[in-house]
C-alpha atoms as a PDB file:
ATOM      1  CA  MET A   1      -0.083   0.010  -0.311  1.00  0.00           C
ATOM      2  CA  ASN A   2       1.388   3.101  -0.889  1.00  0.00           C
ATOM      3  CA  ARG A   3       2.544   5.798   2.209  1.00  0.00           C
ATOM      4  CA  ILE A   4       3.093   9.501   2.160  1.00  0.00           C
ATOM      5  CA  LYS A   5       6.226   9.558   3.804  1.00  0.00           C
ATOM      6  CA  ASN A   6       6.892  12.043   6.348  1.00  0.00           C
ATOM      7  CA  ILE A   7       9.431  14.652   5.935  1.00  0.00           C
ATOM      8  CA  PHE A   8      11.222  15.490   9.033  1.00  0.00           C
ATOM      9  CA  MET A   9      14.115  18.287   7.851  1.00  0.00           C
ATOM     10  CA  PRO A  10      14.412  20.993  10.655  1.00  0.00           C
ATOM     11  CA  ALA A  11      13.626  23.524   7.908  1.00  0.00           C
ATOM     12  CA  PHE A  12      10.980  22.373   6.277  1.00  0.00           C
ATOM     13  CA  CYS A  13       9.154  21.754   9.766  1.00  0.00           C
ATOM     14  CA  ALA A  14      10.022  25.186  10.566  1.00  0.00           C
ATOM     15  CA  ALA A  15       8.686  26.287   7.679  1.00  0.00           C
ATOM     16  CA  ALA A  16       5.649  24.288   8.125  1.00  0.00           C
ATOM     17  CA  ALA A  17       4.869  25.279  11.416  1.00  0.00           C
ATOM     18  CA  SER A  18       4.567  28.779  10.248  1.00  0.00           C
ATOM     19  CA  ALA A  19       2.332  28.626   7.724  1.00  0.00           C
ATOM     20  CA  PHE A  20      -0.083  26.615  10.334  1.00  0.00           C
ATOM     21  CA  SER A  21       0.514  28.963  12.430  1.00  0.00           C
ATOM     22  CA  PHE A  22      -0.717  32.020  10.149  1.00  0.00           C
ATOM     23  CA  ALA A  23      -3.528  29.697   8.722  1.00  0.00           C
ATOM     24  CA  GLY A  24      -4.677  29.064  11.981  1.00  0.00           C
ATOM     25  CA  LEU A  25      -5.052  33.285  12.567  1.00  0.00           C
ATOM     26  CA  THR A  26      -6.819  33.283   9.448  1.00  0.00           C
ATOM     27  CA  SER A  27      -9.365  30.708  10.156  1.00  0.00           C
ATOM     28  CA  CYS A  28     -11.072  31.386  13.472  1.00  0.00           C
ATOM     29  CA  SER A  29     -14.081  33.382  11.811  1.00  0.00           C
ATOM     30  CA  ASP A  30     -15.374  33.371   8.021  1.00  0.00           C
ATOM     31  CA  TRP A  31     -12.200  34.648   6.221  1.00  0.00           C
ATOM     32  CA  THR A  32     -12.315  37.518   4.305  1.00  0.00           C
ATOM     33  CA  ALA A  33      -9.399  39.088   2.024  1.00  0.00           C
ATOM     34  CA  PRO A  34      -7.021  41.017   3.827  1.00  0.00           C
ATOM     35  CA  GLU A  35      -5.938  44.591   2.894  1.00  0.00           C
ATOM     36  CA  SER A  36      -2.659  44.702   1.617  1.00  0.00           C
ATOM     37  CA  VAL A  37      -0.305  46.595   4.034  1.00  0.00           C
ATOM     38  CA  GLY A  38       2.873  45.700   2.107  1.00  0.00           C
ATOM     39  CA  ILE A  39       4.093  42.785   4.487  1.00  0.00           C
ATOM     40  CA  HIS A  40       4.829  39.367   2.673  1.00  0.00           C
ATOM     41  CA  VAL A  41       4.586  36.178   4.721  1.00  0.00           C
ATOM     42  CA  PRO A  42       6.995  33.925   3.102  1.00  0.00           C
ATOM     43  CA  THR A  43       5.121  30.710   1.564  1.00  0.00           C
ATOM     44  CA  VAL A  44       6.882  27.122   3.116  1.00  0.00           C
ATOM     45  CA  GLU A  45       7.617  27.041  -0.310  1.00  0.00           C
ATOM     46  CA  GLU A  46       9.467  30.013  -0.551  1.00  0.00           C
ATOM     47  CA  GLU A  47      11.151  29.307   3.107  1.00  0.00           C
ATOM     48  CA  ALA A  48      12.487  25.534   2.175  1.00  0.00           C
ATOM     49  CA  PRO A  49      12.024  25.126  -1.805  1.00  0.00           C
ATOM     50  CA  GLU A  50      14.105  22.139  -1.865  1.00  0.00           C
ATOM     51  CA  GLN A  51      12.069  19.932   0.673  1.00  0.00           C
ATOM     52  CA  TYR A  52       8.775  21.439  -0.559  1.00  0.00           C
ATOM     53  CA  GLY A  53      10.018  19.983  -3.838  1.00  0.00           C
ATOM     54  CA  GLN A  54      10.521  16.633  -2.489  1.00  0.00           C
ATOM     55  CA  TYR A  55       6.898  16.904  -0.789  1.00  0.00           C
ATOM     56  CA  LEU A  56       5.142  17.307  -3.742  1.00  0.00           C
ATOM     57  CA  ARG A  57       7.017  14.555  -5.098  1.00  0.00           C
ATOM     58  CA  GLN A  58       5.815  12.217  -2.713  1.00  0.00           C
ATOM     59  CA  LEU A  59       2.464  13.408  -2.659  1.00  0.00           C
ATOM     60  CA  ASN A  60       2.327  13.022  -6.745  1.00  0.00           C
ATOM     61  CA  GLU A  61       3.752   9.540  -6.375  1.00  0.00           C
ATOM     62  CA  TYR A  62       1.125   8.824  -3.993  1.00  0.00           C
ATOM     63  CA  LYS A  63      -1.632   9.869  -5.608  1.00  0.00           C
ATOM     64  CA  GLN A  64      -0.645   7.973  -9.066  1.00  0.00           C
ATOM     65  CA  GLY A  65      -0.368   4.973  -7.299  1.00  0.00           C
ATOM     66  CA  GLU A  66      -3.198   2.470  -5.789  1.00  0.00           C
ATOM     67  CA  HIS A  67      -5.012   3.397  -3.170  1.00  0.00           C
ATOM     68  CA  LYS A  68      -8.270   4.641  -2.285  1.00  0.00           C
ATOM     69  CA  VAL A  69     -10.020   7.833  -4.142  1.00  0.00           C
ATOM     70  CA  VAL A  70     -11.190  10.575  -2.066  1.00  0.00           C
ATOM     71  CA  MET A  71     -13.455  13.704  -3.662  1.00  0.00           C
ATOM     72  CA  ALA A  72     -14.866  16.630  -2.386  1.00  0.00           C
ATOM     73  CA  PHE A  73     -18.175  18.193  -3.841  1.00  0.00           C
ATOM     74  CA  ILE A  74     -18.236  22.177  -3.412  1.00  0.00           C
ATOM     75  CA  SER A  75     -21.121  23.657  -3.622  1.00  0.00           C
ATOM     76  CA  ASN A  76     -19.294  27.397  -5.056  1.00  0.00           C
ATOM     77  CA  VAL A  77     -22.281  29.973  -6.404  1.00  0.00           C
ATOM     78  CA  LYS A  78     -21.604  30.988  -9.814  1.00  0.00           C
ATOM     79  CA  GLY A  79     -19.434  33.937 -10.238  1.00  0.00           C
ATOM     80  CA  GLU A  80     -18.961  34.915  -6.716  1.00  0.00           C
ATOM     81  CA  ALA A  81     -15.291  34.828  -5.262  1.00  0.00           C
ATOM     82  CA  PRO A  82     -14.711  32.220  -2.278  1.00  0.00           C
ATOM     83  CA  GLU A  83     -16.853  33.476   0.779  1.00  0.00           C
ATOM     84  CA  SER A  84     -14.637  31.844   3.135  1.00  0.00           C
ATOM     85  CA  GLN A  85     -11.593  29.622   3.484  1.00  0.00           C
ATOM     86  CA  SER A  86     -13.881  26.830   3.747  1.00  0.00           C
ATOM     87  CA  MET A  87     -14.443  27.660  -0.058  1.00  0.00           C
ATOM     88  CA  ARG A  88     -11.169  27.990  -1.357  1.00  0.00           C
ATOM     89  CA  LEU A  89      -9.228  25.262  -3.286  1.00  0.00           C
ATOM     90  CA  GLU A  90      -6.418  25.416  -1.354  1.00  0.00           C
ATOM     91  CA  ALA A  91      -7.429  25.223   2.010  1.00  0.00           C
ATOM     92  CA  TYR A  92      -8.446  21.536   1.360  1.00  0.00           C
ATOM     93  CA  PRO A  93      -6.313  18.583   2.298  1.00  0.00           C
ATOM     94  CA  ASP A  94      -3.120  18.194   0.363  1.00  0.00           C
ATOM     95  CA  SER A  95      -3.902  14.225  -0.013  1.00  0.00           C
ATOM     96  CA  ILE A  96      -7.493  15.166  -1.224  1.00  0.00           C
ATOM     97  CA  ASP A  97      -7.455  13.254  -5.332  1.00  0.00           C
ATOM     98  CA  VAL A  98     -10.464  15.135  -6.558  1.00  0.00           C
ATOM     99  CA  LEU A  99     -12.052  18.601  -6.157  1.00  0.00           C
ATOM    100  CA  CYS A 100     -15.589  18.941  -7.772  1.00  0.00           C
ATOM    101  CA  LEU A 101     -16.711  22.405  -7.879  1.00  0.00           C
ATOM    102  CA  ALA A 102     -20.423  22.748  -8.479  1.00  0.00           C
ATOM    103  CA  GLU A 103     -20.460  25.810 -10.893  1.00  0.00           C
ATOM    104  CA  ALA A 104     -17.997  26.669 -13.861  1.00  0.00           C
ATOM    105  CA  GLU A 105     -19.539  29.582 -15.284  1.00  0.00           C
ATOM    106  CA  ASN A 106     -18.521  32.836 -15.162  1.00  0.00           C
ATOM    107  CA  LEU A 107     -16.317  31.080 -12.626  1.00  0.00           C
ATOM    108  CA  HIS A 108     -14.092  33.933 -10.284  1.00  0.00           C
ATOM    109  CA  SER A 109     -10.929  34.376 -11.065  1.00  0.00           C
ATOM    110  CA  ASP A 110      -9.904  33.266  -7.492  1.00  0.00           C
ATOM    111  CA  TYR A 111     -10.699  29.733  -8.517  1.00  0.00           C
ATOM    112  CA  VAL A 112      -8.924  29.674 -11.832  1.00  0.00           C
ATOM    113  CA  SER A 113      -5.911  30.883 -10.501  1.00  0.00           C
ATOM    114  CA  ALA A 114      -6.205  28.213  -7.486  1.00  0.00           C
ATOM    115  CA  ILE A 115      -6.827  25.330  -9.831  1.00  0.00           C
ATOM    116  CA  GLY A 116      -3.376  25.687 -10.655  1.00  0.00           C
ATOM    117  CA  GLU A 117      -2.058  25.887  -7.173  1.00  0.00           C
ATOM    118  CA  VAL A 118      -3.668  22.542  -6.153  1.00  0.00           C
ATOM    119  CA  GLN A 119      -2.994  20.835  -9.562  1.00  0.00           C
ATOM    120  CA  ARG A 120       0.600  20.900  -8.188  1.00  0.00           C
ATOM    121  CA  LYS A 121      -0.230  18.731  -5.656  1.00  0.00           C
ATOM    122  CA  GLY A 122      -1.765  15.926  -7.871  1.00  0.00           C
ATOM    123  CA  THR A 123      -5.031  17.061  -7.075  1.00  0.00           C
ATOM    124  CA  ALA A 124      -7.697  16.740  -9.954  1.00  0.00           C
ATOM    125  CA  VAL A 125      -9.837  19.973 -10.456  1.00  0.00           C
ATOM    126  CA  TYR A 126     -13.522  18.964 -12.141  1.00  0.00           C
ATOM    127  CA  TYR A 127     -16.270  20.629 -12.475  1.00  0.00           C
ATOM    128  CA  GLU A 128     -20.428  19.673 -11.877  1.00  0.00           C
ATOM    129  CA  ILE A 129     -22.736  19.433 -15.142  1.00  0.00           C
ATOM    130  CA  ASP A 130     -25.711  18.748 -13.322  1.00  0.00           C
ATOM    131  CA  PHE A 131     -29.027  17.552 -14.943  1.00  0.00           C
ATOM    132  CA  SER A 132     -31.580  18.939 -12.751  1.00  0.00           C
ATOM    133  CA  SER A 133     -29.863  22.353 -13.030  1.00  0.00           C
ATOM    134  CA  ILE A 134     -30.704  22.711 -16.702  1.00  0.00           C
ATOM    135  CA  GLU A 135     -33.715  21.126 -16.590  1.00  0.00           C
ATOM    136  CA  GLU A 136     -34.961  23.748 -13.936  1.00  0.00           C
ATOM    137  CA  LYS A 137     -33.273  26.152 -16.164  1.00  0.00           C
ATOM    138  CA  TRP A 138     -35.161  25.293 -19.253  1.00  0.00           C
ATOM    139  CA  GLN A 139     -38.494  25.893 -17.356  1.00  0.00           C
ATOM    140  CA  GLN A 140     -37.836  28.939 -16.675  1.00  0.00           C
ATOM    141  CA  PHE A 141     -37.046  29.879 -20.014  1.00  0.00           C
ATOM    142  CA  SER A 142     -40.040  28.147 -20.994  1.00  0.00           C
ATOM    143  CA  GLN A 143     -42.030  30.347 -19.113  1.00  0.00           C
ATOM    144  CA  ASP A 144     -40.382  33.433 -20.034  1.00  0.00           C
ATOM    145  CA  THR A 145     -40.487  32.235 -23.479  1.00  0.00           C
ATOM    146  CA  PRO A 146     -43.110  32.054 -25.345  1.00  0.00           C
ATOM    147  CA  ALA A 147     -41.253  29.824 -28.829  1.00  0.00           C
ATOM    148  CA  ALA A 148     -39.270  27.973 -26.614  1.00  0.00           C
ATOM    149  CA  VAL A 149     -36.879  25.558 -27.899  1.00  0.00           C
ATOM    150  CA  SER A 150     -37.530  21.674 -27.311  1.00  0.00           C
ATOM    151  CA  PHE A 151     -35.734  20.651 -23.904  1.00  0.00           C
ATOM    152  CA  PRO A 152     -33.347  17.910 -25.529  1.00  0.00           C
ATOM    153  CA  ASP A 153     -32.314  20.666 -27.637  1.00  0.00           C
ATOM    154  CA  TYR A 154     -32.028  23.121 -24.936  1.00  0.00           C
ATOM    155  CA  CYS A 155     -30.032  20.280 -23.242  1.00  0.00           C
ATOM    156  CA  LYS A 156     -27.956  20.026 -26.408  1.00  0.00           C
ATOM    157  CA  GLU A 157     -27.209  24.043 -26.646  1.00  0.00           C
ATOM    158  CA  ASN A 158     -26.176  24.554 -22.653  1.00  0.00           C
ATOM    159  CA  VAL A 159     -23.730  21.342 -22.507  1.00  0.00           C
ATOM    160  CA  SER A 160     -22.246  22.180 -25.497  1.00  0.00           C
ATOM    161  CA  ALA A 161     -21.024  25.546 -23.619  1.00  0.00           C
ATOM    162  CA  LEU A 162     -20.447  24.075 -20.613  1.00  0.00           C
ATOM    163  CA  VAL A 163     -17.816  21.639 -21.726  1.00  0.00           C
ATOM    164  CA  GLY A 164     -16.110  24.583 -23.297  1.00  0.00           C
ATOM    165  CA  LEU A 165     -15.301  25.436 -19.732  1.00  0.00           C
ATOM    166  CA  CYS A 166     -13.021  22.520 -19.162  1.00  0.00           C
ATOM    167  CA  ASN A 167     -10.105  23.797 -21.159  1.00  0.00           C
ATOM    168  CA  MET A 168     -10.845  27.384 -21.093  1.00  0.00           C
ATOM    169  CA  HIS A 169      -9.919  27.139 -17.210  1.00  0.00           C
ATOM    170  CA  GLY A 170      -7.874  24.483 -17.556  1.00  0.00           C
ATOM    171  CA  PHE A 171     -10.273  21.630 -15.166  1.00  0.00           C
ATOM    172  CA  ASP A 172      -9.310  18.036 -15.383  1.00  0.00           C
ATOM    173  CA  GLY A 173     -12.396  16.188 -15.982  1.00  0.00           C
ATOM    174  CA  ILE A 174     -16.232  16.945 -15.928  1.00  0.00           C
ATOM    175  CA  THR A 175     -18.661  15.443 -13.271  1.00  0.00           C
ATOM    176  CA  VAL A 176     -21.729  14.550 -14.697  1.00  0.00           C
ATOM    177  CA  THR A 177     -24.690  14.462 -12.320  1.00  0.00           C
ATOM    178  CA  TYR A 178     -27.845  12.610 -12.631  1.00  0.00           C
ATOM    179  CA  ASP A 179     -30.392  12.213  -9.219  1.00  0.00           C
ATOM    180  CA  SER A 180     -33.495  12.782 -10.582  1.00  0.00           C
ATOM    181  CA  PRO A 181     -36.423  10.165 -10.571  1.00  0.00           C
ATOM    182  CA  ALA A 182     -36.528   7.407 -12.721  1.00  0.00           C
ATOM    183  CA  PRO A 183     -38.108   7.750 -16.682  1.00  0.00           C
ATOM    184  CA  SER A 184     -40.288   5.387 -15.483  1.00  0.00           C
ATOM    185  CA  ALA A 185     -41.499   6.931 -12.062  1.00  0.00           C
ATOM    186  CA  VAL A 186     -43.161   9.300 -13.760  1.00  0.00           C
ATOM    187  CA  SER A 187     -46.008  10.327 -16.316  1.00  0.00           C
ATOM    188  CA  ASP A 188     -45.271   9.576 -20.446  1.00  0.00           C
ATOM    189  CA  ALA A 189     -44.527  13.500 -21.199  1.00  0.00           C
ATOM    190  CA  ASP A 190     -41.678  13.679 -18.606  1.00  0.00           C
ATOM    191  CA  ALA A 191     -40.311  10.361 -19.157  1.00  0.00           C
ATOM    192  CA  GLU A 192     -39.959  11.473 -22.561  1.00  0.00           C
ATOM    193  CA  ARG A 193     -38.635  14.822 -22.089  1.00  0.00           C
ATOM    194  CA  ILE A 194     -36.278  13.712 -19.192  1.00  0.00           C
ATOM    195  CA  GLU A 195     -35.368  10.733 -22.156  1.00  0.00           C
ATOM    196  CA  GLY A 196     -34.730  13.205 -24.735  1.00  0.00           C
ATOM    197  CA  GLY A 197     -32.476  14.911 -22.649  1.00  0.00           C
ATOM    198  CA  LEU A 198     -30.639  12.762 -21.169  1.00  0.00           C
ATOM    199  CA  ALA A 199     -29.657  11.592 -24.798  1.00  0.00           C
ATOM    200  CA  ALA A 200     -28.563  14.920 -26.164  1.00  0.00           C
ATOM    201  CA  LEU A 201     -26.699  15.643 -22.646  1.00  0.00           C
ATOM    202  CA  PHE A 202     -24.861  12.325 -22.981  1.00  0.00           C
ATOM    203  CA  ALA A 203     -24.239  13.023 -27.135  1.00  0.00           C
ATOM    204  CA  GLU A 204     -22.500  16.120 -26.336  1.00  0.00           C
ATOM    205  CA  ILE A 205     -20.290  14.324 -23.185  1.00  0.00           C
ATOM    206  CA  SER A 206     -19.172  11.929 -25.868  1.00  0.00           C
ATOM    207  CA  SER A 207     -18.165  14.444 -28.688  1.00  0.00           C
ATOM    208  CA  TRP A 208     -16.321  16.274 -26.027  1.00  0.00           C
ATOM    209  CA  LYS A 209     -14.632  13.062 -24.245  1.00  0.00           C
ATOM    210  CA  THR A 210     -13.645  11.980 -28.168  1.00  0.00           C
ATOM    211  CA  SER A 211     -12.184  15.117 -28.918  1.00  0.00           C
ATOM    212  CA  ASN A 212     -10.650  15.102 -24.680  1.00  0.00           C
ATOM    213  CA  PRO A 213      -9.008  11.856 -24.431  1.00  0.00           C
ATOM    214  CA  ASP A 214      -7.155  13.005 -21.708  1.00  0.00           C
ATOM    215  CA  LYS A 215      -9.396  14.560 -19.882  1.00  0.00           C
ATOM    216  CA  GLY A 216     -11.558  12.576 -16.968  1.00  0.00           C
ATOM    217  CA  LEU A 217     -15.057  11.642 -16.799  1.00  0.00           C
ATOM    218  CA  ILE A 218     -17.213  10.909 -13.782  1.00  0.00           C
ATOM    219  CA  PHE A 219     -20.978  10.454 -12.925  1.00  0.00           C
ATOM    220  CA  SER A 220     -22.668  11.315 -10.005  1.00  0.00           C
ATOM    221  CA  GLY A 221     -26.208  10.413  -8.551  1.00  0.00           C
ATOM    222  CA  PHE A 222     -28.177   7.157  -9.491  1.00  0.00           C
ATOM    223  CA  PRO A 223     -26.577   5.570 -12.625  1.00  0.00           C
ATOM    224  CA  GLN A 224     -29.505   2.766 -12.134  1.00  0.00           C
ATOM    225  CA  TYR A 225     -32.311   5.689 -13.211  1.00  0.00           C
ATOM    226  CA  LEU A 226     -30.433   6.456 -16.670  1.00  0.00           C
ATOM    227  CA  PRO A 227     -32.391   5.121 -19.896  1.00  0.00           C
ATOM    228  CA  ASP A 228     -29.016   3.770 -21.310  1.00  0.00           C
ATOM    229  CA  THR A 229     -26.669   2.649 -19.126  1.00  0.00           C
ATOM    230  CA  SER A 230     -23.980   2.190 -21.994  1.00  0.00           C
ATOM    231  CA  VAL A 231     -22.986   5.748 -21.459  1.00  0.00           C
ATOM    232  CA  LEU A 232     -21.012   4.729 -18.133  1.00  0.00           C
ATOM    233  CA  GLU A 233     -18.565   2.881 -19.930  1.00  0.00           C
ATOM    234  CA  GLU A 234     -16.218   6.394 -20.229  1.00  0.00           C
ATOM    235  CA  CYS A 235     -16.340   7.369 -17.310  1.00  0.00           C
ATOM    236  CA  ASP A 236     -13.064   7.156 -15.010  1.00  0.00           C
ATOM    237  CA  TYR A 237     -15.776   6.796 -11.789  1.00  0.00           C
ATOM    238  CA  ILE A 238     -18.950   5.880 -10.754  1.00  0.00           C
ATOM    239  CA  VAL A 239     -20.281   7.888  -7.669  1.00  0.00           C
ATOM    240  CA  VAL A 240     -23.231   6.757  -6.236  1.00  0.00           C
ATOM    241  CA  ASN A 241     -25.461   8.858  -4.518  1.00  0.00           C
ATOM    242  CA  ALA A 242     -26.046   7.794  -0.532  1.00  0.00           C
ATOM    243  CA  ARG A 243     -26.727  11.005   1.146  1.00  0.00           C
ATOM    244  CA  ASP A 244     -29.780   9.766   2.846  1.00  0.00           C
ATOM    245  CA  ALA A 245     -27.611   6.513   4.523  1.00  0.00           C
ATOM    246  CA  VAL A 246     -27.926   6.053   8.074  1.00  0.00           C
ATOM    247  CA  SER A 247     -26.162   3.145   8.444  1.00  0.00           C
ATOM    248  CA  GLU A 248     -23.363   1.138   6.432  1.00  0.00           C
ATOM    249  CA  ALA A 249     -25.828  -1.194   6.016  1.00  0.00           C
ATOM    250  CA  ASP A 250     -27.952   1.543   3.668  1.00  0.00           C
ATOM    251  CA  LEU A 251     -24.614   1.754   2.009  1.00  0.00           C
ATOM    252  CA  ASP A 252     -25.073  -1.376   0.910  1.00  0.00           C
ATOM    253  CA  ILE A 253     -28.951  -1.262  -0.387  1.00  0.00           C
ATOM    254  CA  SER A 254     -27.955   2.217  -2.311  1.00  0.00           C
ATOM    255  CA  VAL A 255     -24.746   0.655  -4.392  1.00  0.00           C
ATOM    256  CA  ARG A 256     -26.693  -2.654  -4.882  1.00  0.00           C
ATOM    257  CA  LYS A 257     -29.613  -0.742  -5.975  1.00  0.00           C
ATOM    258  CA  ALA A 258     -27.540   1.386  -8.565  1.00  0.00           C
ATOM    259  CA  LEU A 259     -25.712  -1.652  -9.511  1.00  0.00           C
ATOM    260  CA  SER A 260     -28.364  -2.469 -12.322  1.00  0.00           C
ATOM    261  CA  ALA A 261     -27.548  -4.631 -15.285  1.00  0.00           C
ATOM    262  CA  GLY A 262     -25.072  -2.421 -17.545  1.00  0.00           C
ATOM    263  CA  VAL A 263     -23.381  -0.533 -14.704  1.00  0.00           C
ATOM    264  CA  PRO A 264     -19.552  -1.082 -14.024  1.00  0.00           C
ATOM    265  CA  LEU A 265     -18.836  -3.101 -11.079  1.00  0.00           C
ATOM    266  CA  ASP A 266     -15.206  -2.011 -10.970  1.00  0.00           C
ATOM    267  CA  ASN A 267     -15.083   2.462  -9.682  1.00  0.00           C
ATOM    268  CA  VAL A 268     -17.788   2.416  -7.158  1.00  0.00           C
ATOM    269  CA  ILE A 269     -17.105   5.817  -5.131  1.00  0.00           C
ATOM    270  CA  ILE A 270     -19.815   5.953  -2.122  1.00  0.00           C
ATOM    271  CA  CYS A 271     -21.145   9.613  -2.079  1.00  0.00           C
ATOM    272  CA  VAL A 272     -22.098  10.973   1.563  1.00  0.00           C
ATOM    273  CA  ALA A 273     -22.877  14.599   2.826  1.00  0.00           C
ATOM    274  CA  ALA A 274     -19.995  16.393   5.247  1.00  0.00           C
ATOM    275  CA  TYR A 275     -22.512  17.308   8.744  1.00  0.00           C
ATOM    276  CA  VAL A 276     -23.386  20.667   9.174  1.00  0.00           C
ATOM    277  CA  PRO A 277     -21.446  22.132  12.085  1.00  0.00           C
ATOM    278  CA  GLY A 278     -23.281  21.986  15.488  1.00  0.00           C
ATOM    279  CA  THR A 279     -25.562  19.214  14.263  1.00  0.00           C
ATOM    280  CA  THR A 280     -25.603  15.995  15.572  1.00  0.00           C
ATOM    281  CA  SER A 281     -28.213  14.352  14.027  1.00  0.00           C
ATOM    282  CA  GLY A 282     -30.178  14.547  10.085  1.00  0.00           C
ATOM    283  CA  GLU A 283     -27.637  14.770   6.498  1.00  0.00           C
ATOM    284  CA  GLY A 284     -24.160  13.447   7.189  1.00  0.00           C
ATOM    285  CA  TRP A 285     -24.663  11.489  10.534  1.00  0.00           C
ATOM    286  CA  PHE A 286     -25.300   7.601  10.820  1.00  0.00           C
ATOM    287  CA  GLU A 287     -27.971   6.790  13.321  1.00  0.00           C
ATOM    288  CA  ALA A 288     -26.448   5.373  16.847  1.00  0.00           C
ATOM    289  CA  GLY A 289     -25.078   1.612  17.041  1.00  0.00           C
ATOM    290  CA  ALA A 290     -25.537  -0.880  19.324  1.00  0.00           C
ATOM    291  CA  ASP A 291     -23.658   1.203  21.774  1.00  0.00           C
ATOM    292  CA  GLY A 292     -25.502   4.323  21.827  1.00  0.00           C
ATOM    293  CA  ASN A 293     -23.068   6.500  19.991  1.00  0.00           C
ATOM    294  CA  THR A 294     -23.545   8.351  16.562  1.00  0.00           C
ATOM    295  CA  ILE A 295     -20.997   8.597  14.097  1.00  0.00           C
ATOM    296  CA  ASP A 296     -20.719  10.980  11.523  1.00  0.00           C
ATOM    297  CA  ALA A 297     -21.241   9.316   7.672  1.00  0.00           C
ATOM    298  CA  VAL A 298     -17.842  10.271   6.651  1.00  0.00           C
ATOM    299  CA  ALA A 299     -16.285   8.413   8.947  1.00  0.00           C
ATOM    300  CA  GLY A 300     -18.925   5.359   8.538  1.00  0.00           C
ATOM    301  CA  ALA A 301     -18.498   5.706   4.994  1.00  0.00           C
ATOM    302  CA  ALA A 302     -14.622   5.177   5.051  1.00  0.00           C
ATOM    303  CA  GLU A 303     -14.966   2.557   7.403  1.00  0.00           C
ATOM    304  CA  TRP A 304     -17.474   0.520   4.901  1.00  0.00           C
ATOM    305  CA  VAL A 305     -14.932   1.226   2.035  1.00  0.00           C
ATOM    306  CA  MET A 306     -12.433  -0.654   3.304  1.00  0.00           C
ATOM    307  CA  THR A 307     -14.565  -3.921   3.986  1.00  0.00           C
ATOM    308  CA  GLY A 308     -14.431  -5.968   0.718  1.00  0.00           C
ATOM    309  CA  ASP A 309     -17.763  -7.270  -1.733  1.00  0.00           C
ATOM    310  CA  SER A 310     -18.286  -8.008  -4.903  1.00  0.00           C
ATOM    311  CA  PHE A 311     -17.199  -4.978  -6.406  1.00  0.00           C
ATOM    312  CA  THR A 312     -15.158  -2.543  -6.528  1.00  0.00           C
ATOM    313  CA  LYS A 313     -14.859   0.082  -3.752  1.00  0.00           C
ATOM    314  CA  ALA A 314     -12.986   2.638  -5.040  1.00  0.00           C
ATOM    315  CA  GLY A 315     -12.951   5.693  -2.774  1.00  0.00           C
ATOM    316  CA  LEU A 316     -15.365   7.843  -0.901  1.00  0.00           C
ATOM    317  CA  ALA A 317     -16.974  11.298  -2.215  1.00  0.00           C
ATOM    318  CA  VAL A 318     -18.112  13.747   0.206  1.00  0.00           C
ATOM    319  CA  ALA A 319     -20.848  16.094  -0.984  1.00  0.00           C
ATOM    320  CA  ASP A 320     -21.157  19.795   0.541  1.00  0.00           C
ATOM    321  CA  ALA A 321     -17.368  19.367   1.626  1.00  0.00           C
ATOM    322  CA  GLN A 322     -17.067  22.634   2.772  1.00  0.00           C
ATOM    323  CA  ASN A 323     -18.932  22.343   5.755  1.00  0.00           C
ATOM    324  CA  ASP A 324     -16.399  20.634   7.321  1.00  0.00           C
ATOM    325  CA  TYR A 325     -14.313  23.096   7.805  1.00  0.00           C
ATOM    326  CA  TYR A 326     -15.183  24.366  11.027  1.00  0.00           C
ATOM    327  CA  ASN A 327     -16.268  20.532  12.331  1.00  0.00           C
ATOM    328  CA  SER A 328     -13.436  20.549  14.567  1.00  0.00           C
ATOM    329  CA  ASN A 329     -11.028  22.705  16.831  1.00  0.00           C
ATOM    330  CA  ALA A 330      -7.948  20.527  16.570  1.00  0.00           C
ATOM    331  CA  SER A 331      -7.656  21.250  12.745  1.00  0.00           C
ATOM    332  CA  VAL A 332      -9.651  22.238   9.522  1.00  0.00           C
ATOM    333  CA  PHE A 333     -11.237  19.340   7.599  1.00  0.00           C
ATOM    334  CA  SER A 334     -11.156  17.009  10.241  1.00  0.00           C
ATOM    335  CA  LYS A 335     -13.613  14.566   9.188  1.00  0.00           C
ATOM    336  CA  ILE A 336     -12.199  14.327   5.673  1.00  0.00           C
ATOM    337  CA  ARG A 337      -8.489  14.321   6.859  1.00  0.00           C
ATOM    338  CA  LYS A 338      -9.484  11.026   9.068  1.00  0.00           C
ATOM    339  CA  ALA A 339     -11.319   9.164   6.893  1.00  0.00           C
ATOM    340  CA  ILE A 340      -8.178   9.469   4.068  1.00  0.00           C
ATOM    341  CA  GLN A 341      -6.158   8.172   6.923  1.00  0.00           C
ATOM    342  CA  THR A 342      -8.761   5.533   8.167  1.00  0.00           C
ATOM    343  CA  MET A 343      -8.730   4.686   3.691  1.00  0.00           C
ATOM    344  CA  ASN A 344      -5.033   4.614   2.914  1.00  0.00           C
ATOM    345  CA  SER A 345      -2.959   4.271   6.091  1.00  0.00           C
ATOM    346  CA  ILE A 346      -1.091   7.525   5.890  1.00  0.00           C
ATOM    347  CA  ARG A 347       1.465   8.535   8.443  1.00  0.00           C
END
C-alpha cells in the first residue's frame, strides 16, 4: 500500500509550523480577503524550496499509485469569489484526489488561479454538469420565452457551452450528475422529455470526451435510473448518491440498487454528506449503533469502503465538503482528513 512519507527536515518543519500558525489565525472566523499592508509572509515553498519540492514529488507519487480515492464536492456560487476559507481550493487537505466545483460558469478569478496551484499537488479539479439544474433553467426559460426550444435542444445547447469551460479554465475533467427520478416513475410526457434530454446531454459529453481523451469523466447520482447505462463505460468513476444513508447497511442497499444491469462494478465511489457544524443528527450522520453512539457519515463510509464485496469500492466522495472546515477545533477538514487516513493508512 502506498504511503506518503513524512519529511522531518528541520527547515521544512519550521517553515510548515510558520505557515500553519498563520493559517490558524485566519481560520478562526469566516475568512475575508485581508487588506494589503505591504507585508510579505514567506510561504513554506519560499523558506524551504528543496524540501517542499520533495514533498510535492512524494505527494504526486502517492496519488498516482494504488489507493482509495477521496473526492470533495464544493458548493461554490456562480460568479462569486470564495466567501470563506472553507470554499478555497488551497485550503483543502493536500491528500484529496479530486475537488469538484458545483459551478464553472462565470468562474471567479480566485478559483481560476487556485486550480493550477492545487494541481501541482496532484489534485484533480473537476466541475459539475447537473441535469436537474439544466432542467430547472429550461423550465424558467420556457415560461419567459413564448417560442421556447425543446428540452433536448436546450440540453444540447447548454452542455455544448459548458464542456467548453473545461479547457478554458484548465479543469482536469467533468462530473455529470443525474439524481432525478427514474423516467419510469413519472408521466409518459415527462419520461419522454427526460430521456430526450439525457440523450442530448450524453451525446455532447461523448463528443467532448472523444475530442479530449486526456480529460477525466465521472458520473454522479443514481446510475440505475439512466435509460442507457452504456454511457457509463466512458466514466472513470461511478459516484453513487447515498446522502440519505443512516448506516453502513444503507450504503450497501444504495450501491446494490445502483449496480443494475450495465453499470460497471470496478470503479464505485460512495457519496455521503459532511454534516452541518453544530448538528448531531440528520444529513451527514449515521444513527446510533448498539453502543448508543452516533457516528458522522464520512467516518462511517470510510470504514465501509475498507470492507470487501463483489464490486470494487474505489473510494469516498463527500458532498457539501465545505461544511467540514469548521467541524473541529483541532484542525480544519478534520473528518475528511481522518477518512483519508482510515482508507490509506497515511502516516
